[in-house]
N, C-alpha and C. Protein backbone atom coordinates (compact mmCIF):
# COMPACT_ATOMS: atom_id res chain seq x y z
N MET A 1 41.07 43.76 -44.92
CA MET A 1 41.61 45.20 -44.85
C MET A 1 40.89 45.91 -43.80
N ILE A 2 41.75 46.63 -43.02
CA ILE A 2 41.19 47.35 -41.89
C ILE A 2 40.45 48.73 -42.36
N GLU A 3 39.46 49.13 -41.50
CA GLU A 3 38.68 50.26 -41.95
C GLU A 3 39.55 51.45 -42.31
N GLN A 4 40.60 51.72 -41.51
CA GLN A 4 41.45 52.94 -41.89
C GLN A 4 42.15 52.85 -43.21
N GLU A 5 42.43 51.62 -43.53
CA GLU A 5 43.13 51.47 -44.86
C GLU A 5 42.14 51.71 -45.95
N LEU A 6 40.92 51.28 -45.80
CA LEU A 6 39.82 51.47 -46.68
C LEU A 6 39.67 53.12 -46.73
N LEU A 7 39.52 53.78 -45.54
CA LEU A 7 39.05 55.24 -45.56
C LEU A 7 40.38 56.06 -46.17
N ASN A 8 41.42 55.60 -46.05
CA ASN A 8 42.63 56.29 -46.71
C ASN A 8 42.57 56.21 -48.25
N ARG A 9 41.66 55.50 -48.77
CA ARG A 9 41.49 55.43 -50.24
C ARG A 9 40.64 56.68 -50.61
N ILE A 10 39.94 57.34 -49.77
CA ILE A 10 39.07 58.56 -50.03
C ILE A 10 39.87 59.80 -49.68
N THR A 11 39.83 60.61 -50.54
CA THR A 11 40.52 61.96 -50.22
C THR A 11 39.60 63.23 -50.66
N SER A 12 39.83 64.31 -50.11
CA SER A 12 39.29 65.48 -50.49
C SER A 12 40.22 66.68 -50.76
N ASN A 13 40.01 67.23 -51.86
CA ASN A 13 40.84 68.41 -52.16
C ASN A 13 40.15 69.51 -52.88
N GLN A 14 40.12 70.71 -52.41
CA GLN A 14 39.32 71.68 -53.07
C GLN A 14 39.58 72.01 -54.52
N LYS A 15 40.76 71.47 -55.02
CA LYS A 15 41.08 71.68 -56.50
C LYS A 15 40.68 70.63 -57.39
N VAL A 16 40.04 69.50 -56.70
CA VAL A 16 39.51 68.32 -57.36
C VAL A 16 38.12 68.16 -57.18
N MET A 17 37.24 68.22 -58.14
CA MET A 17 35.83 68.18 -58.03
C MET A 17 35.26 68.95 -56.92
N VAL A 18 35.76 70.22 -56.83
CA VAL A 18 35.20 71.22 -55.85
C VAL A 18 35.23 70.66 -54.43
N GLY A 19 36.14 69.92 -54.18
CA GLY A 19 36.46 69.39 -52.82
C GLY A 19 35.56 68.20 -52.37
N LYS A 20 34.72 67.57 -53.34
CA LYS A 20 33.98 66.58 -52.95
C LYS A 20 34.81 65.35 -52.58
N PRO A 21 34.41 64.43 -51.77
CA PRO A 21 35.28 63.22 -51.45
C PRO A 21 35.42 62.36 -52.89
N THR A 22 36.57 62.09 -53.11
CA THR A 22 36.97 61.25 -54.27
C THR A 22 37.81 60.02 -53.95
N ILE A 23 37.81 59.05 -54.80
CA ILE A 23 38.68 57.87 -54.62
C ILE A 23 39.97 58.55 -55.06
N LYS A 24 41.03 58.22 -54.10
CA LYS A 24 42.38 58.65 -54.37
C LYS A 24 42.78 58.47 -55.76
N GLY A 25 43.53 59.38 -56.33
CA GLY A 25 44.14 59.31 -57.79
C GLY A 25 43.21 59.34 -58.75
N THR A 26 41.85 59.66 -58.57
CA THR A 26 40.84 59.65 -59.56
C THR A 26 40.01 60.88 -59.45
N ARG A 27 39.14 61.14 -60.28
CA ARG A 27 38.22 62.17 -60.31
C ARG A 27 36.74 61.64 -60.06
N LEU A 28 36.74 60.42 -59.52
CA LEU A 28 35.48 59.70 -59.34
C LEU A 28 35.13 60.09 -57.90
N THR A 29 33.96 60.62 -57.77
CA THR A 29 33.41 61.00 -56.38
C THR A 29 32.78 59.90 -55.71
N VAL A 30 32.84 59.87 -54.31
CA VAL A 30 32.05 58.82 -53.64
C VAL A 30 30.65 59.04 -54.08
N GLU A 31 30.06 60.08 -54.06
CA GLU A 31 28.63 60.34 -54.47
C GLU A 31 28.38 59.66 -55.77
N TYR A 32 29.24 59.74 -56.79
CA TYR A 32 29.06 59.16 -58.14
C TYR A 32 29.03 57.63 -58.08
N ILE A 33 29.87 57.13 -57.26
CA ILE A 33 29.92 55.60 -57.19
C ILE A 33 28.74 55.18 -56.52
N LEU A 34 28.40 55.71 -55.40
CA LEU A 34 27.14 55.34 -54.63
C LEU A 34 25.92 55.41 -55.48
N ASN A 35 25.80 56.47 -56.39
CA ASN A 35 24.73 56.68 -57.38
C ASN A 35 24.56 55.47 -58.38
N LEU A 36 25.80 55.13 -58.81
CA LEU A 36 25.81 53.96 -59.79
C LEU A 36 25.22 52.80 -59.07
N LEU A 37 25.84 52.36 -57.82
CA LEU A 37 25.21 51.32 -57.10
C LEU A 37 23.76 51.40 -56.92
N ALA A 38 23.35 52.52 -56.51
CA ALA A 38 21.90 52.73 -56.18
C ALA A 38 21.06 52.48 -57.44
N HIS A 39 21.54 52.80 -58.60
CA HIS A 39 20.76 52.51 -59.90
C HIS A 39 21.01 51.21 -60.46
N GLY A 40 21.59 50.33 -59.69
CA GLY A 40 21.68 48.94 -60.22
C GLY A 40 23.00 48.46 -60.67
N ALA A 41 24.01 49.32 -60.91
CA ALA A 41 25.25 48.77 -61.45
C ALA A 41 25.84 47.95 -60.33
N THR A 42 26.54 46.95 -60.93
CA THR A 42 27.18 46.01 -60.13
C THR A 42 28.67 46.47 -59.80
N VAL A 43 29.22 45.86 -58.79
CA VAL A 43 30.61 46.32 -58.58
C VAL A 43 31.51 45.83 -59.76
N THR A 44 31.26 44.61 -60.27
CA THR A 44 31.96 44.13 -61.50
C THR A 44 31.74 45.12 -62.56
N GLU A 45 30.55 45.60 -62.99
CA GLU A 45 30.35 46.60 -64.05
C GLU A 45 31.11 47.89 -63.82
N ILE A 46 31.10 48.45 -62.53
CA ILE A 46 31.87 49.59 -62.36
C ILE A 46 33.41 49.31 -62.62
N LEU A 47 34.03 48.23 -61.95
CA LEU A 47 35.38 48.00 -62.14
C LEU A 47 35.81 47.73 -63.56
N GLU A 48 34.76 47.10 -64.46
CA GLU A 48 35.19 47.01 -65.79
C GLU A 48 35.10 48.31 -66.57
N GLU A 49 34.31 49.24 -66.20
CA GLU A 49 34.12 50.57 -66.71
C GLU A 49 35.26 51.48 -66.47
N TYR A 50 35.78 51.40 -65.22
CA TYR A 50 36.81 52.40 -64.85
C TYR A 50 38.14 51.64 -64.44
N GLU A 51 38.94 51.62 -65.53
CA GLU A 51 40.30 50.95 -65.34
C GLU A 51 41.06 51.48 -64.35
N GLY A 52 41.67 50.66 -63.42
CA GLY A 52 42.40 51.08 -62.37
C GLY A 52 41.72 51.04 -61.07
N LEU A 53 40.40 50.91 -61.04
CA LEU A 53 39.71 50.80 -59.71
C LEU A 53 39.73 49.37 -59.40
N VAL A 54 39.65 49.16 -57.96
CA VAL A 54 39.74 47.79 -57.47
C VAL A 54 38.43 47.78 -56.52
N GLU A 55 38.13 46.50 -56.17
CA GLU A 55 36.94 46.38 -55.27
C GLU A 55 37.06 47.17 -53.96
N ALA A 56 38.25 47.19 -53.38
CA ALA A 56 38.48 47.94 -52.21
C ALA A 56 38.14 49.37 -52.35
N ASP A 57 38.23 50.07 -53.42
CA ASP A 57 37.75 51.42 -53.77
C ASP A 57 36.35 51.50 -53.62
N ILE A 58 35.56 50.56 -54.06
CA ILE A 58 34.03 50.69 -53.85
C ILE A 58 33.73 50.44 -52.48
N ARG A 59 34.41 49.50 -51.79
CA ARG A 59 34.15 49.36 -50.40
C ARG A 59 34.38 50.46 -49.63
N ALA A 60 35.49 51.34 -50.00
CA ALA A 60 35.87 52.47 -49.23
C ALA A 60 34.81 53.48 -49.37
N CYS A 61 34.13 53.63 -50.56
CA CYS A 61 33.14 54.54 -50.74
C CYS A 61 31.87 54.20 -49.91
N LEU A 62 31.65 52.91 -49.76
CA LEU A 62 30.47 52.51 -48.88
C LEU A 62 30.75 52.82 -47.42
N LEU A 63 32.05 52.51 -46.97
CA LEU A 63 32.47 52.82 -45.62
C LEU A 63 32.41 54.27 -45.24
N PHE A 64 33.01 55.06 -46.23
CA PHE A 64 33.06 56.55 -46.13
C PHE A 64 31.55 57.09 -45.91
N ALA A 65 30.63 56.61 -46.73
CA ALA A 65 29.36 57.06 -46.58
C ALA A 65 28.74 56.73 -45.27
N SER A 66 28.84 55.46 -44.85
CA SER A 66 28.47 54.99 -43.57
C SER A 66 28.95 55.82 -42.45
N ARG A 67 30.21 55.97 -42.40
CA ARG A 67 30.90 56.89 -41.38
C ARG A 67 30.43 58.28 -41.32
N SER A 68 30.07 58.85 -42.60
CA SER A 68 29.74 60.20 -42.65
C SER A 68 28.25 60.35 -42.28
N LEU A 69 27.46 59.30 -42.22
CA LEU A 69 26.10 59.37 -41.73
C LEU A 69 25.90 59.02 -40.27
N GLU A 70 26.92 58.67 -39.56
CA GLU A 70 26.82 58.15 -38.11
C GLU A 70 26.17 59.05 -37.32
N SER A 71 26.48 60.40 -37.34
CA SER A 71 25.85 61.25 -36.45
C SER A 71 25.07 62.40 -37.02
N THR A 72 24.42 61.91 -38.23
CA THR A 72 23.53 62.71 -38.84
C THR A 72 22.04 62.55 -38.41
N ILE A 73 21.40 63.65 -38.18
CA ILE A 73 19.92 63.48 -37.91
C ILE A 73 19.13 63.69 -39.15
N PHE A 74 18.30 62.88 -39.48
CA PHE A 74 17.42 63.03 -40.65
C PHE A 74 16.06 63.57 -40.36
N MET A 75 15.58 64.35 -41.32
CA MET A 75 14.25 64.91 -41.29
C MET A 75 13.57 64.05 -42.52
N PRO A 76 12.22 63.74 -42.35
CA PRO A 76 11.63 62.97 -43.48
C PRO A 76 11.61 64.11 -44.57
N LEU A 77 11.68 63.15 -45.84
CA LEU A 77 11.63 64.13 -47.10
C LEU A 77 10.24 64.53 -47.39
N THR A 78 9.21 63.80 -46.95
CA THR A 78 7.77 64.07 -47.12
C THR A 78 7.11 63.95 -45.87
N ALA A 79 6.02 64.64 -45.63
CA ALA A 79 5.22 64.60 -44.45
C ALA A 79 4.29 63.36 -44.50
N GLU A 80 4.14 62.57 -43.41
CA GLU A 80 3.21 61.54 -43.44
C GLU A 80 1.82 62.09 -42.97
N ILE A 81 0.75 61.77 -43.68
CA ILE A 81 -0.48 62.12 -43.32
C ILE A 81 -1.19 61.04 -42.51
N ALA A 82 -1.58 61.38 -41.41
CA ALA A 82 -2.03 60.30 -40.40
C ALA A 82 -3.68 60.07 -40.67
């Protein structure tokens, strides 16, 4: 699947989840899916929990996050003490 097809699975609508990016046709935010993955949920577990999701939806969340961070400059969350 090409990148644009994956990205087309993500949508944003001010009337759905306050405009946060969601998987098209759901109220599942990209942020929520990434949080599940970060806390150890597997793709299989997520797909079993949310009927109608497919693996490409999860990959779309990862790609969307990656693209969103491309031009972001980060500041450290904590100061390093030398």
